[in-house]
Amino acid sequence: MIKRKFTTLFLFLFLFAGISVGTYAQQTPKKPTTAKSGTKKPAPKKKVTKKSGSVFICDAANGYTYHTRKTCKELSKCKGRVLELTKQEATSNYGRKPCKNCN
């Protein structure tokens, strides 16, 4: 009877210790490795920029605005082609006005 209790207690402690060590090992962050002093830093990424002064218009019959962002939610509703023009071309040639969402 006593032997059974000790065996059960031993198994319980063994399982409990195994679980706590495993979770502790997963939660402990690894130490970052130190870089050598002679190594170069990675070059910064270049930003992709659009043409200066370019705007986007929807080439459909019901379009009346120009957009500064190609990802504008109003421009995504376009059923025609999306053209990239200068701001001056959009206003003078197409009679477009600025979009209230992206300008």
PDB file of N, CA and C in Angstrom:
ATOM      1  N   MET A   1       0.826  -1.185   0.000  1.00  0.00           N
ATOM      2  CA  MET A   1       0.000   0.000   0.000  1.00  0.00           C
ATOM      3  C   MET A   1       0.876   1.256   0.000  1.00  0.00           C
ATOM      4  N   ILE A   2       1.834   1.316   0.872  1.00  0.00           N
ATOM      5  CA  ILE A   2       2.723   2.460   0.961  1.00  0.00           C
ATOM      6  C   ILE A   2       3.593   2.532  -0.294  1.00  0.00           C
ATOM      7  N   LYS A   3       4.005   1.371  -0.784  1.00  0.00           N
ATOM      8  CA  LYS A   3       4.825   1.323  -1.979  1.00  0.00           C
ATOM      9  C   LYS A   3       4.054   1.909  -3.170  1.00  0.00           C
ATOM     10  N   ARG A   4       2.775   1.625  -3.272  1.00  0.00           N
ATOM     11  CA  ARG A   4       1.934   2.135  -4.355  1.00  0.00           C
ATOM     12  C   ARG A   4       1.817   3.656  -4.267  1.00  0.00           C
ATOM     13  N   LYS A   5       1.661   4.197  -3.061  1.00  0.00           N
ATOM     14  CA  LYS A   5       1.559   5.646  -2.883  1.00  0.00           C
ATOM     15  C   LYS A   5       2.855   6.329  -3.290  1.00  0.00           C
ATOM     16  N   PHE A   6       3.989   5.768  -2.912  1.00  0.00           N
ATOM     17  CA  PHE A   6       5.272   6.357  -3.285  1.00  0.00           C
ATOM     18  C   PHE A   6       5.487   6.281  -4.791  1.00  0.00           C
ATOM     19  N   THR A   7       5.087   5.174  -5.384  1.00  0.00           N
ATOM     20  CA  THR A   7       5.225   5.031  -6.831  1.00  0.00           C
ATOM     21  C   THR A   7       4.364   6.069  -7.542  1.00  0.00           C
ATOM     22  N   THR A   8       3.135   6.245  -7.093  1.00  0.00           N
ATOM     23  CA  THR A   8       2.238   7.237  -7.693  1.00  0.00           C
ATOM     24  C   THR A   8       2.789   8.644  -7.497  1.00  0.00           C
ATOM     25  N   LEU A   9       3.278   8.915  -6.297  1.00  0.00           N
ATOM     26  CA  LEU A   9       3.858  10.222  -6.003  1.00  0.00           C
ATOM     27  C   LEU A   9       5.087  10.461  -6.865  1.00  0.00           C
ATOM     28  N   PHE A  10       5.926   9.462  -6.996  1.00  0.00           N
ATOM     29  CA  PHE A  10       7.140   9.584  -7.805  1.00  0.00           C
ATOM     30  C   PHE A  10       6.786   9.851  -9.267  1.00  0.00           C
ATOM     31  N   LEU A  11       5.822   9.109  -9.812  1.00  0.00           N
ATOM     32  CA  LEU A  11       5.417   9.315 -11.198  1.00  0.00           C
ATOM     33  C   LEU A  11       4.822  10.709 -11.391  1.00  0.00           C
ATOM     34  N   PHE A  12       4.015  11.145 -10.436  1.00  0.00           N
ATOM     35  CA  PHE A  12       3.422  12.481 -10.526  1.00  0.00           C
ATOM     36  C   PHE A  12       4.506  13.555 -10.541  1.00  0.00           C
ATOM     37  N   LEU A  13       5.482  13.447  -9.634  1.00  0.00           N
ATOM     38  CA  LEU A  13       6.569  14.432  -9.572  1.00  0.00           C
ATOM     39  C   LEU A  13       7.425  14.374 -10.836  1.00  0.00           C
ATOM     40  N   PHE A  14       7.667  13.182 -11.333  1.00  0.00           N
ATOM     41  CA  PHE A  14       8.473  13.020 -12.537  1.00  0.00           C
ATOM     42  C   PHE A  14       7.780  13.673 -13.736  1.00  0.00           C
ATOM     43  N   LEU A  15       6.482  13.436 -13.890  1.00  0.00           N
ATOM     44  CA  LEU A  15       5.745  14.034 -14.995  1.00  0.00           C
ATOM     45  C   LEU A  15       5.651  15.554 -14.852  1.00  0.00           C
ATOM     46  N   PHE A  16       5.395  16.010 -13.628  1.00  0.00           N
ATOM     47  CA  PHE A  16       5.296  17.443 -13.372  1.00  0.00           C
ATOM     48  C   PHE A  16       6.621  18.132 -13.668  1.00  0.00           C
ATOM     49  N   ALA A  17       7.725  17.535 -13.258  1.00  0.00           N
ATOM     50  CA  ALA A  17       9.048  18.121 -13.496  1.00  0.00           C
ATOM     51  C   ALA A  17       9.353  18.141 -14.987  1.00  0.00           C
ATOM     52  N   GLY A  18       8.966  17.102 -15.711  1.00  0.00           N
ATOM     53  CA  GLY A  18       9.209  17.050 -17.149  1.00  0.00           C
ATOM     54  C   GLY A  18       8.430  18.106 -17.896  1.00  0.00           C
ATOM     55  N   ILE A  19       7.193  18.357 -17.501  1.00  0.00           N
ATOM     56  CA  ILE A  19       6.369  19.354 -18.169  1.00  0.00           C
ATOM     57  C   ILE A  19       6.897  20.754 -17.880  1.00  0.00           C
ATOM     58  N   SER A  20       7.244  21.029 -16.646  1.00  0.00           N
ATOM     59  CA  SER A  20       7.693  22.371 -16.310  1.00  0.00           C
ATOM     60  C   SER A  20       9.035  22.683 -16.967  1.00  0.00           C
ATOM     61  N   VAL A  21       9.914  21.718 -17.087  1.00  0.00           N
ATOM     62  CA  VAL A  21      11.197  21.961 -17.737  1.00  0.00           C
ATOM     63  C   VAL A  21      10.970  22.218 -19.219  1.00  0.00           C
ATOM     64  N   GLY A  22      10.069  21.469 -19.832  1.00  0.00           N
ATOM     65  CA  GLY A  22       9.787  21.648 -21.253  1.00  0.00           C
ATOM     66  C   GLY A  22       9.196  23.009 -21.551  1.00  0.00           C
ATOM     67  N   THR A  23       8.244  23.461 -20.768  1.00  0.00           N
ATOM     68  CA  THR A  23       7.639  24.762 -21.021  1.00  0.00           C
ATOM     69  C   THR A  23       8.614  25.879 -20.696  1.00  0.00           C
ATOM     70  N   TYR A  24       9.452  25.705 -19.700  1.00  0.00           N
ATOM     71  CA  TYR A  24      10.446  26.716 -19.380  1.00  0.00           C
ATOM     72  C   TYR A  24      11.437  26.847 -20.518  1.00  0.00           C
ATOM     73  N   ALA A  25      11.829  25.744 -21.098  1.00  0.00           N
ATOM     74  CA  ALA A  25      12.781  25.781 -22.205  1.00  0.00           C
ATOM     75  C   ALA A  25      12.183  26.487 -23.413  1.00  0.00           C
ATOM     76  N   GLN A  26      10.890  26.346 -23.653  1.00  0.00           N
ATOM     77  CA  GLN A  26      10.259  26.994 -24.787  1.00  0.00           C
ATOM     78  C   GLN A  26      10.082  28.489 -24.555  1.00  0.00           C
ATOM     79  N   GLN A  27       9.878  28.902 -23.318  1.00  0.00           N
ATOM     80  CA  GLN A  27       9.631  30.308 -23.024  1.00  0.00           C
ATOM     81  C   GLN A  27      10.912  31.116 -22.928  1.00  0.00           C
ATOM     82  N   THR A  28      12.023  30.479 -22.667  1.00  0.00           N
ATOM     83  CA  THR A  28      13.281  31.188 -22.499  1.00  0.00           C
ATOM     84  C   THR A  28      13.795  31.639 -23.858  1.00  0.00           C
ATOM     85  N   PRO A  29      13.948  32.948 -24.074  1.00  0.00           N
ATOM     86  CA  PRO A  29      14.450  33.409 -25.355  1.00  0.00           C
ATOM     87  C   PRO A  29      15.940  33.108 -25.494  1.00  0.00           C
ATOM     88  N   LYS A  30      16.343  32.849 -26.715  1.00  0.00           N
ATOM     89  CA  LYS A  30      17.748  32.579 -26.966  1.00  0.00           C
ATOM     90  C   LYS A  30      18.499  33.891 -26.968  1.00  0.00           C
ATOM     91  N   LYS A  31      19.719  33.845 -26.488  1.00  0.00           N
ATOM     92  CA  LYS A  31      20.550  35.038 -26.478  1.00  0.00           C
ATOM     93  C   LYS A  31      21.007  35.318 -27.895  1.00  0.00           C
ATOM     94  N   PRO A  32      20.952  36.581 -28.319  1.00  0.00           N
ATOM     95  CA  PRO A  32      21.414  36.895 -29.665  1.00  0.00           C
ATOM     96  C   PRO A  32      22.923  36.718 -29.765  1.00  0.00           C
ATOM     97  N   THR A  33      23.335  36.256 -30.919  1.00  0.00           N
ATOM     98  CA  THR A  33      24.764  36.084 -31.120  1.00  0.00           C
ATOM     99  C   THR A  33      25.364  37.428 -31.461  1.00  0.00           C
ATOM    100  N   THR A  34      26.536  37.669 -30.991  1.00  0.00           N
ATOM    101  CA  THR A  34      27.191  38.945 -31.253  1.00  0.00           C
ATOM    102  C   THR A  34      27.881  38.881 -32.599  1.00  0.00           C
ATOM    103  N   ALA A  35      27.735  39.940 -33.367  1.00  0.00           N
ATOM    104  CA  ALA A  35      28.367  40.005 -34.677  1.00  0.00           C
ATOM    105  C   ALA A  35      29.825  40.393 -34.517  1.00  0.00           C
ATOM    106  N   LYS A  36      30.622  39.969 -35.447  1.00  0.00           N
ATOM    107  CA  LYS A  36      32.028  40.340 -35.426  1.00  0.00           C
ATOM    108  C   LYS A  36      32.137  41.830 -35.713  1.00  0.00           C
ATOM    109  N   SER A  37      33.139  42.454 -35.172  1.00  0.00           N
ATOM    110  CA  SER A  37      33.264  43.894 -35.327  1.00  0.00           C
ATOM    111  C   SER A  37      33.617  44.288 -36.761  1.00  0.00           C
ATOM    112  N   GLY A  38      34.134  43.376 -37.567  1.00  0.00           N
ATOM    113  CA  GLY A  38      34.528  43.693 -38.925  1.00  0.00           C
ATOM    114  C   GLY A  38      33.437  43.448 -39.956  1.00  0.00           C
ATOM    115  N   THR A  39      32.269  42.974 -39.549  1.00  0.00           N
ATOM    116  CA  THR A  39      31.225  42.680 -40.530  1.00  0.00           C
ATOM    117  C   THR A  39      30.486  43.947 -40.931  1.00  0.00           C
ATOM    118  N   LYS A  40      29.962  43.949 -42.164  1.00  0.00           N
ATOM    119  CA  LYS A  40      29.236  45.106 -42.673  1.00  0.00           C
ATOM    120  C   LYS A  40      27.755  44.995 -42.330  1.00  0.00           C
ATOM    121  N   LYS A  41      27.132  46.128 -42.145  1.00  0.00           N
ATOM    122  CA  LYS A  41      25.692  46.169 -41.924  1.00  0.00           C
ATOM    123  C   LYS A  41      25.011  46.062 -43.276  1.00  0.00           C
ATOM    124  N   PRO A  42      23.810  45.458 -43.324  1.00  0.00           N
ATOM    125  CA  PRO A  42      23.110  45.375 -44.606  1.00  0.00           C
ATOM    126  C   PRO A  42      22.712  46.765 -45.097  1.00  0.00           C
ATOM    127  N   ALA A  43      22.726  46.929 -46.400  1.00  0.00           N
ATOM    128  CA  ALA A  43      22.375  48.219 -46.996  1.00  0.00           C
ATOM    129  C   ALA A  43      20.886  48.482 -46.798  1.00  0.00           C
ATOM    130  N   PRO A  44      20.507  49.723 -46.514  1.00  0.00           N
ATOM    131  CA  PRO A  44      19.084  50.021 -46.343  1.00  0.00           C
ATOM    132  C   PRO A  44      18.344  49.840 -47.661  1.00  0.00           C
ATOM    133  N   LYS A  45      17.072  49.416 -47.557  1.00  0.00           N
ATOM    134  CA  LYS A  45      16.258  49.201 -48.754  1.00  0.00           C
ATOM    135  C   LYS A  45      15.854  50.548 -49.336  1.00  0.00           C
ATOM    136  N   LYS A  46      15.862  50.607 -50.655  1.00  0.00           N
ATOM    137  CA  LYS A  46      15.449  51.832 -51.327  1.00  0.00           C
ATOM    138  C   LYS A  46      13.935  51.856 -51.430  1.00  0.00           C
ATOM    139  N   LYS A  47      13.359  53.020 -51.220  1.00  0.00           N
ATOM    140  CA  LYS A  47      11.917  53.167 -51.337  1.00  0.00           C
ATOM    141  C   LYS A  47      11.543  53.298 -52.805  1.00  0.00           C
ATOM    142  N   VAL A  48      10.505  52.592 -53.186  1.00  0.00           N
ATOM    143  CA  VAL A  48      10.008  52.687 -54.548  1.00  0.00           C
ATOM    144  C   VAL A  48       9.056  53.864 -54.607  1.00  0.00           C
ATOM    145  N   THR A  49       9.378  54.818 -55.436  1.00  0.00           N
ATOM    146  CA  THR A  49       8.535  56.007 -55.542  1.00  0.00           C
ATOM    147  C   THR A  49       7.942  56.078 -56.938  1.00  0.00           C
ATOM    148  N   LYS A  50       6.763  56.659 -57.023  1.00  0.00           N
ATOM    149  CA  LYS A  50       6.131  56.838 -58.322  1.00  0.00           C
ATOM    150  C   LYS A  50       6.665  58.110 -58.946  1.00  0.00           C
ATOM    151  N   LYS A  51       6.336  58.316 -60.203  1.00  0.00           N
ATOM    152  CA  LYS A  51       6.777  59.509 -60.896  1.00  0.00           C
ATOM    153  C   LYS A  51       6.247  60.751 -60.191  1.00  0.00           C
ATOM    154  N   SER A  52       7.051  61.767 -60.158  1.00  0.00           N
ATOM    155  CA  SER A  52       6.661  63.011 -59.511  1.00  0.00           C
ATOM    156  C   SER A  52       5.471  63.634 -60.235  1.00  0.00           C
ATOM    157  N   GLY A  53       4.426  63.947 -59.518  1.00  0.00           N
ATOM    158  CA  GLY A  53       3.256  64.598 -60.084  1.00  0.00           C
ATOM    159  C   GLY A  53       2.314  63.664 -60.816  1.00  0.00           C
ATOM    160  N   SER A  54       2.517  62.362 -60.740  1.00  0.00           N
ATOM    161  CA  SER A  54       1.628  61.452 -61.461  1.00  0.00           C
ATOM    162  C   SER A  54       0.398  61.138 -60.623  1.00  0.00           C
ATOM    163  N   VAL A  55      -0.715  60.988 -61.299  1.00  0.00           N
ATOM    164  CA  VAL A  55      -1.986  60.656 -60.668  1.00  0.00           C
ATOM    165  C   VAL A  55      -2.631  59.535 -61.478  1.00  0.00           C
ATOM    166  N   PHE A  56      -3.669  58.941 -60.946  1.00  0.00           N
ATOM    167  CA  PHE A  56      -4.352  57.833 -61.591  1.00  0.00           C
ATOM    168  C   PHE A  56      -5.799  58.206 -61.835  1.00  0.00           C
ATOM    169  N   ILE A  57      -6.286  57.845 -63.016  1.00  0.00           N
ATOM    170  CA  ILE A  57      -7.693  58.083 -63.325  1.00  0.00           C
ATOM    171  C   ILE A  57      -8.307  56.796 -63.853  1.00  0.00           C
ATOM    172  N   CYS A  58      -9.602  56.700 -63.713  1.00  0.00           N
ATOM    173  CA  CYS A  58     -10.357  55.582 -64.274  1.00  0.00           C
ATOM    174  C   CYS A  58     -10.849  56.017 -65.645  1.00  0.00           C
ATOM    175  N   ASP A  59     -10.470  55.274 -66.670  1.00  0.00           N
ATOM    176  CA  ASP A  59     -10.858  55.615 -68.035  1.00  0.00           C
ATOM    177  C   ASP A  59     -12.221  55.007 -68.341  1.00  0.00           C
ATOM    178  N   ALA A  60     -13.227  55.466 -67.641  1.00  0.00           N
ATOM    179  CA  ALA A  60     -14.602  55.011 -67.856  1.00  0.00           C
ATOM    180  C   ALA A  60     -15.485  56.242 -68.047  1.00  0.00           C
ATOM    181  N   ALA A  61     -16.673  56.040 -68.563  1.00  0.00           N
ATOM    182  CA  ALA A  61     -17.568  57.155 -68.863  1.00  0.00           C
ATOM    183  C   ALA A  61     -17.999  57.914 -67.611  1.00  0.00           C
ATOM    184  N   ASN A  62     -18.125  57.228 -66.483  1.00  0.00           N
ATOM    185  CA  ASN A  62     -18.620  57.892 -65.274  1.00  0.00           C
ATOM    186  C   ASN A  62     -17.508  58.383 -64.344  1.00  0.00           C
ATOM    187  N   GLY A  63     -16.242  58.364 -64.754  1.00  0.00           N
ATOM    188  CA  GLY A  63     -15.141  58.840 -63.904  1.00  0.00           C
ATOM    189  C   GLY A  63     -15.031  60.346 -63.943  1.00  0.00           C
ATOM    190  N   TYR A  64     -14.856  60.974 -62.780  1.00  0.00           N
ATOM    191  CA  TYR A  64     -14.723  62.429 -62.759  1.00  0.00           C
ATOM    192  C   TYR A  64     -13.663  62.904 -61.767  1.00  0.00           C
ATOM    193  N   THR A  65     -12.901  61.991 -61.160  1.00  0.00           N
ATOM    194  CA  THR A  65     -11.860  62.384 -60.211  1.00  0.00           C
ATOM    195  C   THR A  65     -10.521  61.770 -60.605  1.00  0.00           C
ATOM    196  N   TYR A  66      -9.446  62.367 -60.076  1.00  0.00           N
ATOM    197  CA  TYR A  66      -8.133  61.749 -60.192  1.00  0.00           C
ATOM    198  C   TYR A  66      -7.679  61.346 -58.794  1.00  0.00           C
ATOM    199  N   HIS A  67      -6.811  60.345 -58.731  1.00  0.00           N
ATOM    200  CA  HIS A  67      -6.387  59.752 -57.463  1.00  0.00           C
ATOM    201  C   HIS A  67      -4.872  59.806 -57.346  1.00  0.00           C
ATOM    202  N   THR A  68      -4.386  60.127 -56.168  1.00  0.00           N
ATOM    203  CA  THR A  68      -2.937  60.159 -55.949  1.00  0.00           C
ATOM    204  C   THR A  68      -2.398  58.794 -55.543  1.00  0.00           C
ATOM    205  N   ARG A  69      -3.257  57.919 -55.067  1.00  0.00           N
ATOM    206  CA  ARG A  69      -2.845  56.556 -54.679  1.00  0.00           C
ATOM    207  C   ARG A  69      -3.511  55.545 -55.604  1.00  0.00           C
ATOM    208  N   LYS A  70      -2.734  54.617 -56.113  1.00  0.00           N
ATOM    209  CA  LYS A  70      -3.303  53.581 -56.977  1.00  0.00           C
ATOM    210  C   LYS A  70      -4.151  52.607 -56.165  1.00  0.00           C
ATOM    211  N   THR A  71      -3.955  52.594 -54.848  1.00  0.00           N
ATOM    212  CA  THR A  71      -4.699  51.689 -53.970  1.00  0.00           C
ATOM    213  C   THR A  71      -5.935  52.345 -53.360  1.00  0.00           C
ATOM    214  N   CYS A  72      -6.350  53.490 -53.888  1.00  0.00           N
ATOM    215  CA  CYS A  72      -7.533  54.181 -53.371  1.00  0.00           C
ATOM    216  C   CYS A  72      -8.758  53.283 -53.541  1.00  0.00           C
ATOM    217  N   LYS A  73      -9.610  53.227 -52.524  1.00  0.00           N
ATOM    218  CA  LYS A  73     -10.777  52.334 -52.582  1.00  0.00           C
ATOM    219  C   LYS A  73     -11.757  52.751 -53.671  1.00  0.00           C
ATOM    220  N   GLU A  74     -11.831  54.030 -53.972  1.00  0.00           N
ATOM    221  CA  GLU A  74     -12.713  54.488 -55.040  1.00  0.00           C
ATOM    222  C   GLU A  74     -12.172  54.069 -56.408  1.00  0.00           C
ATOM    223  N   LEU A  75     -10.864  54.078 -56.568  1.00  0.00           N
ATOM    224  CA  LEU A  75     -10.250  53.671 -57.828  1.00  0.00           C
ATOM    225  C   LEU A  75     -10.371  52.169 -58.044  1.00  0.00           C
ATOM    226  N   SER A  76     -10.446  51.412 -56.968  1.00  0.00           N
ATOM    227  CA  SER A  76     -10.587  49.959 -57.106  1.00  0.00           C
ATOM    228  C   SER A  76     -11.956  49.575 -57.670  1.00  0.00           C
ATOM    229  N   LYS A  77     -12.917  50.486 -57.650  1.00  0.00           N
ATOM    230  CA  LYS A  77     -14.252  50.221 -58.201  1.00  0.00           C
ATOM    231  C   LYS A  77     -14.319  50.464 -59.708  1.00  0.00           C
ATOM    232  N   CYS A  78     -13.220  50.868 -60.303  1.00  0.00           N
ATOM    233  CA  CYS A  78     -13.168  51.213 -61.723  1.00  0.00           C
ATOM    234  C   CYS A  78     -13.494  49.998 -62.590  1.00  0.00           C
ATOM    235  N   LYS A  79     -14.397  50.182 -63.526  1.00  0.00           N
ATOM    236  CA  LYS A  79     -14.774  49.103 -64.444  1.00  0.00           C
ATOM    237  C   LYS A  79     -14.011  49.214 -65.766  1.00  0.00           C
ATOM    238  N   GLY A  80     -13.301  50.307 -65.975  1.00  0.00           N
ATOM    239  CA  GLY A  80     -12.501  50.514 -67.185  1.00  0.00           C
ATOM    240  C   GLY A  80     -11.024  50.321 -66.883  1.00  0.00           C
ATOM    241  N   ARG A  81     -10.195  50.994 -67.682  1.00  0.00           N
ATOM    242  CA  ARG A  81      -8.752  50.928 -67.468  1.00  0.00           C
ATOM    243  C   ARG A  81      -8.325  52.000 -66.471  1.00  0.00           C
ATOM    244  N   VAL A  82      -7.229  51.752 -65.765  1.00  0.00           N
ATOM    245  CA  VAL A  82      -6.648  52.742 -64.864  1.00  0.00           C
ATOM    246  C   VAL A  82      -5.436  53.329 -65.575  1.00  0.00           C
ATOM    247  N   LEU A  83      -5.471  54.643 -65.806  1.00  0.00           N
ATOM    248  CA  LEU A  83      -4.392  55.329 -66.505  1.00  0.00           C
ATOM    249  C   LEU A  83      -3.555  56.137 -65.521  1.00  0.00           C
ATOM    250  N   GLU A  84      -2.254  56.194 -65.779  1.00  0.00           N
ATOM    251  CA  GLU A  84      -1.360  57.027 -64.976  1.00  0.00           C
ATOM    252  C   GLU A  84      -0.978  58.239 -65.809  1.00  0.00           C
ATOM    253  N   LEU A  85      -1.315  59.417 -65.305  1.00  0.00           N
ATOM    254  CA  LEU A  85      -1.080  60.671 -66.009  1.00  0.00           C
ATOM    255  C   LEU A  85      -0.440  61.673 -65.062  1.00  0.00           C
ATOM    256  N   THR A  86      -0.084  62.823 -65.605  1.00  0.00           N
ATOM    257  CA  THR A  86       0.332  63.914 -64.731  1.00  0.00           C
ATOM    258  C   THR A  86      -0.919  64.613 -64.217  1.00  0.00           C
ATOM    259  N   LYS A  87      -0.760  65.342 -63.157  1.00  0.00           N
ATOM    260  CA  LYS A  87      -1.899  66.046 -62.564  1.00  0.00           C
ATOM    261  C   LYS A  87      -2.468  67.070 -63.555  1.00  0.00           C
ATOM    262  N   GLN A  88      -1.574  67.715 -64.284  1.00  0.00           N
ATOM    263  CA  GLN A  88      -2.001  68.723 -65.251  1.00  0.00           C
ATOM    264  C   GLN A  88      -2.815  68.085 -66.379  1.00  0.00           C
ATOM    265  N   GLU A  89      -2.385  66.930 -66.875  1.00  0.00           N
ATOM    266  CA  GLU A  89      -3.132  66.238 -67.931  1.00  0.00           C
ATOM    267  C   GLU A  89      -4.520  65.816 -67.447  1.00  0.00           C
ATOM    268  N   ALA A  90      -4.576  65.315 -66.213  1.00  0.00           N
ATOM    269  CA  ALA A  90      -5.857  64.848 -65.673  1.00  0.00           C
ATOM    270  C   ALA A  90      -6.854  65.989 -65.543  1.00  0.00           C
ATOM    271  N   THR A  91      -6.380  67.175 -65.151  1.00  0.00           N
ATOM    272  CA  THR A  91      -7.301  68.303 -64.969  1.00  0.00           C
ATOM    273  C   THR A  91      -7.645  68.977 -66.289  1.00  0.00           C
ATOM    274  N   SER A  92      -6.663  69.197 -67.159  1.00  0.00           N
ATOM    275  CA  SER A  92      -6.942  69.941 -68.394  1.00  0.00           C
ATOM    276  C   SER A  92      -7.540  69.061 -69.493  1.00  0.00           C
ATOM    277  N   ASN A  93      -6.970  67.894 -69.754  1.00  0.00           N
ATOM    278  CA  ASN A  93      -7.441  67.049 -70.862  1.00  0.00           C
ATOM    279  C   ASN A  93      -8.693  66.246 -70.504  1.00  0.00           C
ATOM    280  N   TYR A  94      -8.782  65.785 -69.260  1.00  0.00           N
ATOM    281  CA  TYR A  94      -9.899  64.924 -68.875  1.00  0.00           C
ATOM    282  C   TYR A  94     -10.913  65.631 -67.964  1.00  0.00           C
ATOM    283  N   GLY A  95     -10.610  66.827 -67.492  1.00  0.00           N
ATOM    284  CA  GLY A  95     -11.535  67.585 -66.642  1.00  0.00           C
ATOM    285  C   GLY A  95     -11.775  66.937 -65.285  1.00  0.00           C
ATOM    286  N   ARG A  96     -10.760  66.306 -64.745  1.00  0.00           N
ATOM    287  CA  ARG A  96     -10.904  65.587 -63.471  1.00  0.00           C
ATOM    288  C   ARG A  96     -10.614  66.526 -62.302  1.00  0.00           C
ATOM    289  N   LYS A  97     -11.229  66.203 -61.166  1.00  0.00           N
ATOM    290  CA  LYS A  97     -11.037  66.931 -59.899  1.00  0.00           C
ATOM    291  C   LYS A  97     -10.412  65.971 -58.902  1.00  0.00           C
ATOM    292  N   PRO A  98      -9.778  66.470 -57.836  1.00  0.00           N
ATOM    293  CA  PRO A  98      -9.128  65.579 -56.865  1.00  0.00           C
ATOM    294  C   PRO A  98     -10.114  64.717 -56.103  1.00  0.00           C
ATOM    295  N   CYS A  99      -9.722  63.490 -55.826  1.00  0.00           N
ATOM    296  CA  CYS A  99     -10.530  62.556 -55.036  1.00  0.00           C
ATOM    297  C   CYS A  99     -10.509  63.010 -53.581  1.00  0.00           C
ATOM    298  N   LYS A 100     -11.629  62.951 -52.906  1.00  0.00           N
ATOM    299  CA  LYS A 100     -11.705  63.383 -51.505  1.00  0.00           C
ATOM    300  C   LYS A 100     -11.121  62.335 -50.553  1.00  0.00           C
ATOM    301  N   ASN A 101     -11.018  61.076 -50.990  1.00  0.00           N
ATOM    302  CA  ASN A 101     -10.514  60.022 -50.116  1.00  0.00           C
ATOM    303  C   ASN A 101      -8.987  59.966 -50.069  1.00  0.00           C
ATOM    304  N   CYS A 102      -8.338  60.153 -51.194  1.00  0.00           N
ATOM    305  CA  CYS A 102      -6.879  59.959 -51.205  1.00  0.00           C
ATOM    306  C   CYS A 102      -6.102  61.245 -51.343  1.00  0.00           C
ATOM    307  N   ASN A 103      -6.737  62.382 -51.491  1.00  0.00           N
ATOM    308  CA  ASN A 103      -6.024  63.655 -51.574  1.00  0.00           C
ATOM    309  C   ASN A 103      -6.119  64.423 -50.299  1.00  0.00           C
TER     310      ASN A 103
END
